[in-house]
Amino acid sequence: MRSPLSVLGAVALLTLPAVPPAAADDTAPSSFTIEDERITESSGLAASRAHPGVYWTHNDSDDGPYVFAIDGRTGRTVATVTLRGIGAPRDVEAVSVGPDGQVYVGDIGDNLGGTWSKVWIYRFPEPERLRDVTVDATQFDVVYEGGPRNAEALMVHPRTGRVYIASKSEEDAGLYEGPARLSPSGVNTFRRVADLDLEITDGAFAPDGSRLVLRAYFGAEEYRWGKKGLGAEVAEQPRVPLQRQGESVTFTPDGGTLMFGTEGEGSRVSAVGLEGEQLPDATARRQGEDGDGDRRGGGTAGGDDGDGGLLGDSDLLIAAAALGVALLALLGFRGGRGRGGRRRSSGG
């Protein structure tokens, strides 16, 4: 028998507006499915700088000191990196690649609501050759100005190399800025630089550093980024795939596509093309020079999410209404069965 949640989910998927398929483009980044059976809780995603078409990911929680390189064309793991010289990971939630050729891993989750006195960032050089390898990693102790908090998003700015963390909270989410350079020998205090209004599960800077995208389970917000940091939101927000548990996001190296990831076995990474003001400045200029009049990014603007379409603001309203109707119907169904428990079979 289906659970009430599965019924509600099915109704929501059926009620969402249909999205027409986009024209195929062999040169554009495409969606893929993570094939590795070891990766059941992909919680972070970062496009490789050294290996085009490859994405770094990791499992959530205390899976161990492992980071996986996934080929975006096949979904297969092409390298497993084991981190050496760090403590036992506790709740790994994010990964980002810096301009220094280093991969940053955020052990920053705190599902108990901000009870850990400190969290950690691990850093290791992105391998020149993709193969299973054990590397020496650097560990950084992190505390927050104002006390501990839960977080799932870590972003390294591609120009300055400064590390940012976005906390996860329904009521008090914020963007925190780390020191200009992280210190492996002392405590690194991240100070709050902006208030946010999203329960953030991941984030990513555009390759040129001119945009910052923050995602939640069912939505995303894209901001301009300038010399003074976080700027205004773009006029039209990126559309987000409807996923089982939306946990990760990264820009493709050309800046024209967002890749959205989710947890679960055989999880789908969905390519969503950007257009107009959503495009990073360098990407828009390059497309203008190439004569692309509509300023549309790569990927599938219509989306290939593998789970049931893309969500914009109006779609979320429709989905919410559908869930409400389904809930009322479900409650009515239960009420109609009476208080005597299960309905009796006519066959005795």
C-alpha atoms as a PDB file:
ATOM      1  CA  MET A   1       0.000   0.000   0.000  1.00  0.00           C
ATOM      2  CA  ARG A   2       1.313   3.432  -0.856  1.00  0.00           C
ATOM      3  CA  SER A   3       2.187   5.766   1.982  1.00  0.00           C
ATOM      4  CA  PRO A   4       0.361   9.135   2.221  1.00  0.00           C
ATOM      5  CA  LEU A   5       3.594  10.916   1.277  1.00  0.00           C
ATOM      6  CA  SER A   6       4.012   8.865  -1.881  1.00  0.00           C
ATOM      7  CA  VAL A   7       0.417   9.638  -2.831  1.00  0.00           C
ATOM      8  CA  LEU A   8       0.937  13.354  -2.272  1.00  0.00           C
ATOM      9  CA  GLY A   9       4.184  13.275  -4.217  1.00  0.00           C
ATOM     10  CA  ALA A  10       2.559  11.521  -7.139  1.00  0.00           C
ATOM     11  CA  VAL A  11      -0.273  14.051  -7.235  1.00  0.00           C
ATOM     12  CA  ALA A  12       2.209  16.934  -7.127  1.00  0.00           C
ATOM     13  CA  LEU A  13       4.227  15.494 -10.005  1.00  0.00           C
ATOM     14  CA  LEU A  14       1.126  14.922 -12.096  1.00  0.00           C
ATOM     15  CA  THR A  15      -0.157  18.425 -11.425  1.00  0.00           C
ATOM     16  CA  LEU A  16       3.017  20.326 -12.284  1.00  0.00           C
ATOM     17  CA  PRO A  17       2.929  22.021 -15.682  1.00  0.00           C
ATOM     18  CA  ALA A  18       4.562  20.045 -18.435  1.00  0.00           C
ATOM     19  CA  VAL A  19       7.931  21.249 -19.673  1.00  0.00           C
ATOM     20  CA  PRO A  20       8.617  20.788 -23.373  1.00  0.00           C
ATOM     21  CA  PRO A  21      11.887  19.038 -24.155  1.00  0.00           C
ATOM     22  CA  ALA A  22      14.719  21.229 -25.343  1.00  0.00           C
ATOM     23  CA  ALA A  23      16.481  20.610 -28.618  1.00  0.00           C
ATOM     24  CA  ALA A  24      19.405  18.212 -28.337  1.00  0.00           C
ATOM     25  CA  ASP A  25      22.896  19.710 -28.363  1.00  0.00           C
ATOM     26  CA  ASP A  26      25.814  17.297 -28.334  1.00  0.00           C
ATOM     27  CA  THR A  27      28.225  20.042 -27.248  1.00  0.00           C
ATOM     28  CA  ALA A  28      26.177  21.203 -24.246  1.00  0.00           C
ATOM     29  CA  PRO A  29      26.546  19.772 -20.736  1.00  0.00           C
ATOM     30  CA  SER A  30      23.935  17.123 -20.110  1.00  0.00           C
ATOM     31  CA  SER A  31      22.269  15.475 -17.137  1.00  0.00           C
ATOM     32  CA  PHE A  32      23.637  12.199 -15.849  1.00  0.00           C
ATOM     33  CA  THR A  33      23.032   9.549 -13.202  1.00  0.00           C
ATOM     34  CA  ILE A  34      25.665   8.660 -10.596  1.00  0.00           C
ATOM     35  CA  GLU A  35      26.281   4.949 -11.119  1.00  0.00           C
ATOM     36  CA  ASP A  36      28.548   4.199  -8.140  1.00  0.00           C
ATOM     37  CA  GLU A  37      26.666   2.074  -5.587  1.00  0.00           C
ATOM     38  CA  ARG A  38      28.862   3.475  -2.814  1.00  0.00           C
ATOM     39  CA  ILE A  39      27.462   6.968  -3.373  1.00  0.00           C
ATOM     40  CA  THR A  40      24.049   6.933  -1.731  1.00  0.00           C
ATOM     41  CA  GLU A  41      24.020  10.408  -0.156  1.00  0.00           C
ATOM     42  CA  SER A  42      25.690  12.736  -2.651  1.00  0.00           C
ATOM     43  CA  SER A  43      25.583  15.963  -0.663  1.00  0.00           C
ATOM     44  CA  GLY A  44      28.005  18.257  -2.498  1.00  0.00           C
ATOM     45  CA  LEU A  45      28.996  18.841  -6.118  1.00  0.00           C
ATOM     46  CA  ALA A  46      31.832  20.776  -7.743  1.00  0.00           C
ATOM     47  CA  ALA A  47      32.999  20.937 -11.350  1.00  0.00           C
ATOM     48  CA  SER A  48      36.649  20.010 -11.753  1.00  0.00           C
ATOM     49  CA  ARG A  49      39.006  22.731 -12.968  1.00  0.00           C
ATOM     50  CA  ALA A  50      41.681  20.304 -14.124  1.00  0.00           C
ATOM     51  CA  HIS A  51      39.480  17.699 -15.808  1.00  0.00           C
ATOM     52  CA  PRO A  52      36.665  19.035 -18.040  1.00  0.00           C
ATOM     53  CA  GLY A  53      33.402  17.148 -17.679  1.00  0.00           C
ATOM     54  CA  VAL A  54      34.345  15.676 -14.289  1.00  0.00           C
ATOM     55  CA  TYR A  55      32.525  16.490 -11.030  1.00  0.00           C
ATOM     56  CA  TRP A  56      33.662  15.992  -7.440  1.00  0.00           C
ATOM     57  CA  THR A  57      31.160  14.651  -4.919  1.00  0.00           C
ATOM     58  CA  HIS A  58      31.039  12.895  -1.547  1.00  0.00           C
ATOM     59  CA  ASN A  59      28.618  11.169   0.762  1.00  0.00           C
ATOM     60  CA  ASP A  60      26.811  12.925   3.589  1.00  0.00           C
ATOM     61  CA  SER A  61      27.511  12.357   7.302  1.00  0.00           C
ATOM     62  CA  ASP A  62      30.332  10.131   8.575  1.00  0.00           C
ATOM     63  CA  ASP A  63      30.908   7.986   5.493  1.00  0.00           C
ATOM     64  CA  GLY A  64      34.671   8.386   5.789  1.00  0.00           C
ATOM     65  CA  PRO A  65      37.474  10.506   4.295  1.00  0.00           C
ATOM     66  CA  TYR A  66      36.489   9.857   0.675  1.00  0.00           C
ATOM     67  CA  VAL A  67      35.874  12.143  -2.281  1.00  0.00           C
ATOM     68  CA  PHE A  68      34.773  10.793  -5.664  1.00  0.00           C
ATOM     69  CA  ALA A  69      35.437  12.064  -9.195  1.00  0.00           C
ATOM     70  CA  ILE A  70      32.467  11.377 -11.506  1.00  0.00           C
ATOM     71  CA  ASP A  71      32.591  11.477 -15.304  1.00  0.00           C
ATOM     72  CA  GLY A  72      29.633  13.641 -16.332  1.00  0.00           C
ATOM     73  CA  ARG A  73      29.308  11.834 -19.660  1.00  0.00           C
ATOM     74  CA  THR A  74      28.843   8.355 -18.199  1.00  0.00           C
ATOM     75  CA  GLY A  75      28.033   8.883 -14.510  1.00  0.00           C
ATOM     76  CA  ARG A  76      30.823   6.501 -13.592  1.00  0.00           C
ATOM     77  CA  THR A  77      33.441   7.053 -10.886  1.00  0.00           C
ATOM     78  CA  VAL A  78      36.862   7.677 -12.416  1.00  0.00           C
ATOM     79  CA  ALA A  79      38.757   8.298  -9.180  1.00  0.00           C
ATOM     80  CA  THR A  80      38.336   7.805  -5.440  1.00  0.00           C
ATOM     81  CA  VAL A  81      40.471  10.105  -3.308  1.00  0.00           C
ATOM     82  CA  THR A  82      41.145   9.086   0.301  1.00  0.00           C
ATOM     83  CA  LEU A  83      42.127  11.952   2.592  1.00  0.00           C
ATOM     84  CA  ARG A  84      45.000  11.281   4.983  1.00  0.00           C
ATOM     85  CA  GLY A  85      46.163  13.393   7.932  1.00  0.00           C
ATOM     86  CA  ILE A  86      42.742  14.595   9.100  1.00  0.00           C
ATOM     87  CA  GLY A  87      40.439  13.591  11.942  1.00  0.00           C
ATOM     88  CA  ALA A  88      37.414  11.371  11.488  1.00  0.00           C
ATOM     89  CA  PRO A  89      34.862  13.248   9.325  1.00  0.00           C
ATOM     90  CA  ARG A  90      31.626  13.936  11.186  1.00  0.00           C
ATOM     91  CA  ASP A  91      29.082  15.465   8.775  1.00  0.00           C
ATOM     92  CA  VAL A  92      30.550  16.299   5.373  1.00  0.00           C
ATOM     93  CA  GLU A  93      28.154  18.512   3.415  1.00  0.00           C
ATOM     94  CA  ALA A  94      29.938  20.489   0.681  1.00  0.00           C
ATOM     95  CA  VAL A  95      32.788  20.577  -1.799  1.00  0.00           C
ATOM     96  CA  SER A  96      34.275  23.414  -3.869  1.00  0.00           C
ATOM     97  CA  VAL A  97      37.324  23.891  -6.097  1.00  0.00           C
ATOM     98  CA  GLY A  98      39.442  27.008  -5.537  1.00  0.00           C
ATOM     99  CA  PRO A  99      41.580  29.076  -7.924  1.00  0.00           C
ATOM    100  CA  ASP A 100      44.681  27.601  -6.277  1.00  0.00           C
ATOM    101  CA  GLY A 101      43.977  24.181  -7.765  1.00  0.00           C
ATOM    102  CA  GLN A 102      42.861  22.869  -4.390  1.00  0.00           C
ATOM    103  CA  VAL A 103      39.663  21.005  -3.544  1.00  0.00           C
ATOM    104  CA  TYR A 104      37.928  22.211  -0.370  1.00  0.00           C
ATOM    105  CA  VAL A 105      35.655  19.828   1.543  1.00  0.00           C
ATOM    106  CA  GLY A 106      33.265  21.202   4.154  1.00  0.00           C
ATOM    107  CA  ASP A 107      32.719  19.027   7.241  1.00  0.00           C
ATOM    108  CA  ILE A 108      30.253  21.672   8.413  1.00  0.00           C
ATOM    109  CA  GLY A 109      26.954  19.915   9.079  1.00  0.00           C
ATOM    110  CA  ASP A 110      25.393  20.115  12.539  1.00  0.00           C
ATOM    111  CA  ASN A 111      21.983  18.472  12.516  1.00  0.00           C
ATOM    112  CA  LEU A 112      21.634  19.044  16.257  1.00  0.00           C
ATOM    113  CA  GLY A 113      21.042  22.721  15.580  1.00  0.00           C
ATOM    114  CA  GLY A 114      24.438  24.227  16.304  1.00  0.00           C
ATOM    115  CA  THR A 115      25.941  22.221  19.131  1.00  0.00           C
ATOM    116  CA  TRP A 116      29.458  21.550  17.852  1.00  0.00           C
ATOM    117  CA  SER A 117      32.005  24.009  19.214  1.00  0.00           C
ATOM    118  CA  LYS A 118      33.842  23.900  15.884  1.00  0.00           C
ATOM    119  CA  VAL A 119      33.632  22.362  12.444  1.00  0.00           C
ATOM    120  CA  TRP A 120      36.284  21.628   9.830  1.00  0.00           C
ATOM    121  CA  ILE A 121      37.373  22.294   6.270  1.00  0.00           C
ATOM    122  CA  TYR A 122      39.696  19.852   4.537  1.00  0.00           C
ATOM    123  CA  ARG A 123      41.836  20.847   1.559  1.00  0.00           C
ATOM    124  CA  PHE A 124      43.785  18.741  -0.913  1.00  0.00           C
ATOM    125  CA  PRO A 125      45.361  19.402  -4.337  1.00  0.00           C
ATOM    126  CA  GLU A 126      43.240  18.364  -7.285  1.00  0.00           C
ATOM    127  CA  PRO A 127      45.034  15.330  -8.764  1.00  0.00           C
ATOM    128  CA  GLU A 128      46.651  15.782 -12.178  1.00  0.00           C
ATOM    129  CA  ARG A 129      45.775  12.198 -13.036  1.00  0.00           C
ATOM    130  CA  LEU A 130      42.411  10.618 -12.284  1.00  0.00           C
ATOM    131  CA  ARG A 131      42.922   7.351 -10.403  1.00  0.00           C
ATOM    132  CA  ASP A 132      42.316   5.927  -6.946  1.00  0.00           C
ATOM    133  CA  VAL A 133      44.792   7.631  -4.652  1.00  0.00           C
ATOM    134  CA  THR A 134      45.478   8.582  -1.031  1.00  0.00           C
ATOM    135  CA  VAL A 135      46.542  12.193  -0.525  1.00  0.00           C
ATOM    136  CA  ASP A 136      47.742  14.292   2.383  1.00  0.00           C
ATOM    137  CA  ALA A 137      45.058  16.822   3.239  1.00  0.00           C
ATOM    138  CA  THR A 138      45.169  19.980   5.352  1.00  0.00           C
ATOM    139  CA  GLN A 139      42.594  20.433   8.101  1.00  0.00           C
ATOM    140  CA  PHE A 140      41.280  23.847   9.178  1.00  0.00           C
ATOM    141  CA  ASP A 141      39.338  24.472  12.387  1.00  0.00           C
ATOM    142  CA  VAL A 142      36.315  26.744  11.858  1.00  0.00           C
ATOM    143  CA  VAL A 143      34.124  28.683  14.295  1.00  0.00           C
ATOM    144  CA  TYR A 144      31.376  31.228  13.593  1.00  0.00           C
ATOM    145  CA  GLU A 145      31.009  34.731  14.833  1.00  0.00           C
ATOM    146  CA  GLY A 146      27.938  34.541  17.056  1.00  0.00           C
ATOM    147  CA  GLY A 147      28.276  30.875  17.924  1.00  0.00           C
ATOM    148  CA  PRO A 148      27.783  27.424  16.353  1.00  0.00           C
ATOM    149  CA  ARG A 149      25.253  26.735  13.621  1.00  0.00           C
ATOM    150  CA  ASN A 150      24.277  24.160  11.049  1.00  0.00           C
ATOM    151  CA  ALA A 151      25.498  24.593   7.455  1.00  0.00           C
ATOM    152  CA  GLU A 152      25.562  22.642   4.202  1.00  0.00           C
ATOM    153  CA  ALA A 153      27.008  25.143   1.702  1.00  0.00           C
ATOM    154  CA  LEU A 154      30.674  26.032   1.268  1.00  0.00           C
ATOM    155  CA  MET A 155      31.865  28.173  -1.652  1.00  0.00           C
ATOM    156  CA  VAL A 156      35.385  29.264  -2.639  1.00  0.00           C
ATOM    157  CA  HIS A 157      35.492  32.468  -4.670  1.00  0.00           C
ATOM    158  CA  PRO A 158      37.231  31.719  -7.991  1.00  0.00           C
ATOM    159  CA  ARG A 159      39.116  35.043  -8.051  1.00  0.00           C
ATOM    160  CA  THR A 160      40.093  35.794  -4.459  1.00  0.00           C
ATOM    161  CA  GLY A 161      40.209  32.267  -3.054  1.00  0.00           C
ATOM    162  CA  ARG A 162      38.250  33.398   0.003  1.00  0.00           C
ATOM    163  CA  VAL A 163      35.993  30.754   1.532  1.00  0.00           C
ATOM    164  CA  TYR A 164      32.322  31.422   2.335  1.00  0.00           C
ATOM    165  CA  ILE A 165      29.782  29.321   4.230  1.00  0.00           C
ATOM    166  CA  ALA A 166      25.998  29.716   4.087  1.00  0.00           C
ATOM    167  CA  SER A 167      24.193  28.491   7.189  1.00  0.00           C
ATOM    168  CA  LYS A 168      21.070  26.353   6.950  1.00  0.00           C
ATOM    169  CA  SER A 169      18.118  27.688   8.909  1.00  0.00           C
ATOM    170  CA  GLU A 170      14.443  28.364   8.314  1.00  0.00           C
ATOM    171  CA  GLU A 171      14.582  31.555  10.385  1.00  0.00           C
ATOM    172  CA  ASP A 172      18.162  32.805  10.659  1.00  0.00           C
ATOM    173  CA  ALA A 173      20.161  31.777   7.579  1.00  0.00           C
ATOM    174  CA  GLY A 174      23.231  33.856   6.833  1.00  0.00           C
ATOM    175  CA  LEU A 175      26.315  34.145   4.659  1.00  0.00           C
ATOM    176  CA  TYR A 176      29.620  33.887   6.517  1.00  0.00           C
ATOM    177  CA  GLU A 177      33.001  35.040   5.231  1.00  0.00           C
ATOM    178  CA  GLY A 178      36.246  33.359   6.211  1.00  0.00           C
ATOM    179  CA  PRO A 179      39.651  34.990   6.669  1.00  0.00           C
ATOM    180  CA  ALA A 180      41.534  36.097   3.549  1.00  0.00           C
ATOM    181  CA  ARG A 181      43.701  33.017   4.039  1.00  0.00           C
ATOM    182  CA  LEU A 182      42.805  30.000   6.117  1.00  0.00           C
ATOM    183  CA  SER A 183      45.264  29.032   8.838  1.00  0.00           C
ATOM    184  CA  PRO A 184      45.950  25.344   9.599  1.00  0.00           C
ATOM    185  CA  SER A 185      47.509  26.196  12.964  1.00  0.00           C
ATOM    186  CA  GLY A 186      44.825  28.380  14.559  1.00  0.00           C
ATOM    187  CA  VAL A 187      41.075  28.828  14.657  1.00  0.00           C
ATOM    188  CA  ASN A 188      39.462  30.400  11.590  1.00  0.00           C
ATOM    189  CA  THR A 189      36.546  32.654  12.522  1.00  0.00           C
ATOM    190  CA  PHE A 190      33.842  33.145   9.888  1.00  0.00           C
ATOM    191  CA  ARG A 191      31.942  36.405  10.300  1.00  0.00           C
ATOM    192  CA  ARG A 192      28.392  37.064   9.138  1.00  0.00           C
ATOM    193  CA  VAL A 193      28.263  39.384   6.120  1.00  0.00           C
ATOM    194  CA  ALA A 194      24.666  38.989   4.905  1.00  0.00           C
ATOM    195  CA  ASP A 195      21.257  37.711   5.971  1.00  0.00           C
ATOM    196  CA  LEU A 196      19.570  35.117   3.763  1.00  0.00           C
ATOM    197  CA  ASP A 197      15.977  33.907   3.512  1.00  0.00           C
ATOM    198  CA  LEU A 198      16.428  30.372   2.208  1.00  0.00           C
ATOM    199  CA  GLU A 199      16.987  27.025   3.925  1.00  0.00           C
ATOM    200  CA  ILE A 200      20.213  26.471   2.014  1.00  0.00           C
ATOM    201  CA  THR A 201      21.499  23.014   1.111  1.00  0.00           C
ATOM    202  CA  ASP A 202      24.345  24.100  -1.187  1.00  0.00           C
ATOM    203  CA  GLY A 203      25.815  26.992  -3.147  1.00  0.00           C
ATOM    204  CA  ALA A 204      28.285  27.807  -5.893  1.00  0.00           C
ATOM    205  CA  PHE A 205      30.113  30.760  -7.399  1.00  0.00           C
ATOM    206  CA  ALA A 206      30.132  31.239 -11.159  1.00  0.00           C
ATOM    207  CA  PRO A 207      33.540  30.576 -12.760  1.00  0.00           C
ATOM    208  CA  ASP A 208      34.197  34.308 -13.195  1.00  0.00           C
ATOM    209  CA  GLY A 209      32.982  35.116  -9.679  1.00  0.00           C
ATOM    210  CA  SER A 210      30.211  37.482 -10.856  1.00  0.00           C
ATOM    211  CA  ARG A 211      27.285  35.342  -9.632  1.00  0.00           C
ATOM    212  CA  LEU A 212      26.473  33.316  -6.531  1.00  0.00           C
ATOM    213  CA  VAL A 213      23.753  30.656  -6.576  1.00  0.00           C
ATOM    214  CA  LEU A 214      22.279  29.261  -3.359  1.00  0.00           C
ATOM    215  CA  ARG A 215      19.879  26.346  -3.509  1.00  0.00           C
ATOM    216  CA  ALA A 216      17.313  24.808  -1.172  1.00  0.00           C
ATOM    217  CA  TYR A 217      15.350  21.573  -1.509  1.00  0.00           C
ATOM    218  CA  PHE A 218      12.830  23.063  -3.945  1.00  0.00           C
ATOM    219  CA  GLY A 219      14.188  26.443  -5.008  1.00  0.00           C
ATOM    220  CA  ALA A 220      17.240  28.581  -5.650  1.00  0.00           C
ATOM    221  CA  GLU A 221      18.328  32.204  -5.475  1.00  0.00           C
ATOM    222  CA  GLU A 222      20.963  33.747  -7.721  1.00  0.00           C
ATOM    223  CA  TYR A 223      22.792  36.932  -6.748  1.00  0.00           C
ATOM    224  CA  ARG A 224      25.196  39.284  -8.421  1.00  0.00           C
ATOM    225  CA  TRP A 225      28.615  39.397  -6.794  1.00  0.00           C
ATOM    226  CA  GLY A 226      30.926  42.396  -6.950  1.00  0.00           C
ATOM    227  CA  LYS A 227      33.871  44.033  -5.217  1.00  0.00           C
ATOM    228  CA  LYS A 228      31.721  44.645  -2.133  1.00  0.00           C
ATOM    229  CA  GLY A 229      30.464  41.065  -2.048  1.00  0.00           C
ATOM    230  CA  LEU A 230      26.843  39.981  -2.230  1.00  0.00           C
ATOM    231  CA  GLY A 231      24.738  42.158  -4.518  1.00  0.00           C
ATOM    232  CA  ALA A 232      21.159  42.173  -5.728  1.00  0.00           C
ATOM    233  CA  GLU A 233      19.218  39.123  -6.809  1.00  0.00           C
ATOM    234  CA  VAL A 234      18.843  38.618 -10.547  1.00  0.00           C
ATOM    235  CA  ALA A 235      15.429  39.528 -11.917  1.00  0.00           C
ATOM    236  CA  GLU A 236      14.466  35.997 -12.956  1.00  0.00           C
ATOM    237  CA  GLN A 237      15.674  33.139 -10.797  1.00  0.00           C
ATOM    238  CA  PRO A 238      16.965  29.853 -12.268  1.00  0.00           C
ATOM    239  CA  ARG A 239      14.473  27.046 -12.574  1.00  0.00           C
ATOM    240  CA  VAL A 240      15.164  24.120 -10.261  1.00  0.00           C
ATOM    241  CA  PRO A 241      14.537  20.416 -10.901  1.00  0.00           C
ATOM    242  CA  LEU A 242      11.955  18.682  -8.736  1.00  0.00           C
ATOM    243  CA  GLN A 243      14.203  16.172  -6.967  1.00  0.00           C
ATOM    244  CA  ARG A 244      13.855  13.629  -4.192  1.00  0.00           C
ATOM    245  CA  GLN A 245      16.133  15.599  -1.858  1.00  0.00           C
ATOM    246  CA  GLY A 246      17.847  18.501  -3.593  1.00  0.00           C
ATOM    247  CA  GLU A 247      21.268  18.762  -1.989  1.00  0.00           C
ATOM    248  CA  SER A 248      23.866  20.184  -4.366  1.00  0.00           C
ATOM    249  CA  VAL A 249      24.599  22.636  -7.175  1.00  0.00           C
ATOM    250  CA  THR A 250      27.566  23.757  -9.258  1.00  0.00           C
ATOM    251  CA  PHE A 251      28.215  25.825 -12.368  1.00  0.00           C
ATOM    252  CA  THR A 252      29.735  24.155 -15.393  1.00  0.00           C
ATOM    253  CA  PRO A 253      33.205  25.547 -16.254  1.00  0.00           C
ATOM    254  CA  ASP A 254      31.790  27.690 -19.088  1.00  0.00           C
ATOM    255  CA  GLY A 255      29.287  29.292 -16.707  1.00  0.00           C
ATOM    256  CA  GLY A 256      26.308  28.627 -18.956  1.00  0.00           C
ATOM    257  CA  THR A 257      24.711  25.759 -17.048  1.00  0.00           C
ATOM    258  CA  LEU A 258      23.832  24.842 -13.485  1.00  0.00           C
ATOM    259  CA  MET A 259      24.131  21.207 -12.417  1.00  0.00           C
ATOM    260  CA  PHE A 260      21.677  20.259  -9.652  1.00  0.00           C
ATOM    261  CA  GLY A 261      22.257  17.102  -7.598  1.00  0.00           C
ATOM    262  CA  THR A 262      20.184  15.051  -5.176  1.00  0.00           C
ATOM    263  CA  GLU A 263      20.724  12.332  -2.589  1.00  0.00           C
ATOM    264  CA  GLY A 264      19.760   8.693  -3.011  1.00  0.00           C
ATOM    265  CA  GLU A 265      20.997   5.586  -4.789  1.00  0.00           C
ATOM    266  CA  GLY A 266      21.481   6.184  -8.499  1.00  0.00           C
ATOM    267  CA  SER A 267      20.919   9.900  -7.953  1.00  0.00           C
ATOM    268  CA  ARG A 268      20.350  12.211 -10.887  1.00  0.00           C
ATOM    269  CA  VAL A 269      22.467  15.288 -11.635  1.00  0.00           C
ATOM    270  CA  SER A 270      20.336  17.629 -13.739  1.00  0.00           C
ATOM    271  CA  ALA A 271      21.647  20.203 -16.216  1.00  0.00           C
ATOM    272  CA  VAL A 272      19.688  23.459 -16.394  1.00  0.00           C
ATOM    273  CA  GLY A 273      20.755  26.078 -18.923  1.00  0.00           C
ATOM    274  CA  LEU A 274      20.965  29.744 -17.927  1.00  0.00           C
ATOM    275  CA  GLU A 275      19.914  32.756 -19.956  1.00  0.00           C
ATOM    276  CA  GLY A 276      19.764  36.530 -19.809  1.00  0.00           C
ATOM    277  CA  GLU A 277      20.776  38.051 -16.496  1.00  0.00           C
ATOM    278  CA  GLN A 278      21.312  34.593 -15.027  1.00  0.00           C
ATOM    279  CA  LEU A 279      24.446  34.211 -17.135  1.00  0.00           C
ATOM    280  CA  PRO A 280      27.728  35.213 -15.479  1.00  0.00           C
ATOM    281  CA  ASP A 281      29.239  38.372 -16.940  1.00  0.00           C
ATOM    282  CA  ALA A 282      32.122  36.628 -18.713  1.00  0.00           C
ATOM    283  CA  THR A 283      29.802  34.005 -20.190  1.00  0.00           C
ATOM    284  CA  ALA A 284      27.372  36.649 -21.490  1.00  0.00           C
ATOM    285  CA  ARG A 285      30.227  38.623 -23.078  1.00  0.00           C
ATOM    286  CA  ARG A 286      31.640  35.521 -24.720  1.00  0.00           C
ATOM    287  CA  GLN A 287      28.270  34.518 -26.114  1.00  0.00           C
ATOM    288  CA  GLY A 288      27.756  38.068 -27.389  1.00  0.00           C
ATOM    289  CA  GLU A 289      31.095  37.936 -29.191  1.00  0.00           C
ATOM    290  CA  ASP A 290      30.115  34.581 -30.682  1.00  0.00           C
ATOM    291  CA  GLY A 291      26.862  36.083 -31.983  1.00  0.00           C
ATOM    292  CA  ASP A 292      24.495  34.173 -29.685  1.00  0.00           C
ATOM    293  CA  GLY A 293      21.652  36.673 -29.718  1.00  0.00           C
ATOM    294  CA  ASP A 294      19.422  35.125 -27.069  1.00  0.00           C
ATOM    295  CA  ARG A 295      22.253  34.840 -24.515  1.00  0.00           C
ATOM    296  CA  ARG A 296      21.286  31.326 -23.550  1.00  0.00           C
ATOM    297  CA  GLY A 297      23.643  28.997 -21.751  1.00  0.00           C
ATOM    298  CA  GLY A 298      24.389  25.375 -22.461  1.00  0.00           C
ATOM    299  CA  GLY A 299      22.560  22.443 -20.931  1.00  0.00           C
ATOM    300  CA  THR A 300      18.848  21.926 -21.273  1.00  0.00           C
ATOM    301  CA  ALA A 301      16.849  25.041 -20.606  1.00  0.00           C
ATOM    302  CA  GLY A 302      13.781  22.862 -20.411  1.00  0.00           C
ATOM    303  CA  GLY A 303      15.694  20.554 -18.130  1.00  0.00           C
ATOM    304  CA  ASP A 304      16.296  16.831 -17.922  1.00  0.00           C
ATOM    305  CA  ASP A 305      15.825  16.235 -14.256  1.00  0.00           C
ATOM    306  CA  GLY A 306      14.870  12.583 -14.253  1.00  0.00           C
ATOM    307  CA  ASP A 307      12.427  13.201 -11.430  1.00  0.00           C
ATOM    308  CA  GLY A 308       9.585  15.260 -12.821  1.00  0.00           C
ATOM    309  CA  GLY A 309      10.178  18.678 -14.338  1.00  0.00           C
ATOM    310  CA  LEU A 310      11.524  22.051 -13.289  1.00  0.00           C
ATOM    311  CA  LEU A 311      10.241  24.365 -10.626  1.00  0.00           C
ATOM    312  CA  GLY A 312       9.887  28.112 -10.999  1.00  0.00           C
ATOM    313  CA  ASP A 313       8.039  30.388  -8.582  1.00  0.00           C
ATOM    314  CA  SER A 314       4.644  29.823 -10.259  1.00  0.00           C
ATOM    315  CA  ASP A 315       5.286  26.087 -10.394  1.00  0.00           C
ATOM    316  CA  LEU A 316       5.893  26.043  -6.641  1.00  0.00           C
ATOM    317  CA  LEU A 317       2.526  27.693  -6.069  1.00  0.00           C
ATOM    318  CA  ILE A 318       0.834  25.129  -8.282  1.00  0.00           C
ATOM    319  CA  ALA A 319       2.620  22.285  -6.513  1.00  0.00           C
ATOM    320  CA  ALA A 320       1.631  23.660  -3.105  1.00  0.00           C
ATOM    321  CA  ALA A 321      -2.002  23.910  -4.203  1.00  0.00           C
ATOM    322  CA  ALA A 322      -1.876  20.373  -5.556  1.00  0.00           C
ATOM    323  CA  LEU A 323      -0.477  19.067  -2.289  1.00  0.00           C
ATOM    324  CA  GLY A 324      -3.217  20.860  -0.384  1.00  0.00           C
ATOM    325  CA  VAL A 325      -5.948  19.342  -2.542  1.00  0.00           C
ATOM    326  CA  ALA A 326      -4.363  15.897  -2.254  1.00  0.00           C
ATOM    327  CA  LEU A 327      -4.103  16.222   1.515  1.00  0.00           C
ATOM    328  CA  LEU A 328      -7.769  17.166   1.826  1.00  0.00           C
ATOM    329  CA  ALA A 329      -8.719  14.272  -0.401  1.00  0.00           C
ATOM    330  CA  LEU A 330      -6.586  11.918   1.653  1.00  0.00           C
ATOM    331  CA  LEU A 331      -8.094  13.104   4.920  1.00  0.00           C
ATOM    332  CA  GLY A 332     -11.569  12.763   3.444  1.00  0.00           C
ATOM    333  CA  PHE A 333     -10.783   9.242   2.337  1.00  0.00           C
ATOM    334  CA  ARG A 334      -9.609   8.308   5.803  1.00  0.00           C
ATOM    335  CA  GLY A 335     -12.680   9.932   7.367  1.00  0.00           C
ATOM    336  CA  GLY A 336     -14.963   7.975   5.071  1.00  0.00           C
ATOM    337  CA  ARG A 337     -13.540   4.727   6.403  1.00  0.00           C
ATOM    338  CA  GLY A 338     -14.981   5.501   9.818  1.00  0.00           C
ATOM    339  CA  ARG A 339     -13.449   5.025  13.212  1.00  0.00           C
ATOM    340  CA  GLY A 340     -13.685   1.301  13.298  1.00  0.00           C
ATOM    341  CA  GLY A 341     -10.270   0.735  11.810  1.00  0.00           C
ATOM    342  CA  ARG A 342      -9.787  -1.130   8.570  1.00  0.00           C
ATOM    343  CA  ARG A 343     -12.691  -1.738   6.253  1.00  0.00           C
ATOM    344  CA  ARG A 344     -13.862  -5.344   6.473  1.00  0.00           C
ATOM    345  CA  SER A 345     -13.447  -7.674   3.570  1.00  0.00           C
ATOM    346  CA  SER A 346     -16.727  -8.897   2.044  1.00  0.00           C
ATOM    347  CA  GLY A 347     -15.234 -12.345   1.776  1.00  0.00           C
ATOM    348  CA  GLY A 348     -15.212 -12.836   5.562  1.00  0.00           C
END
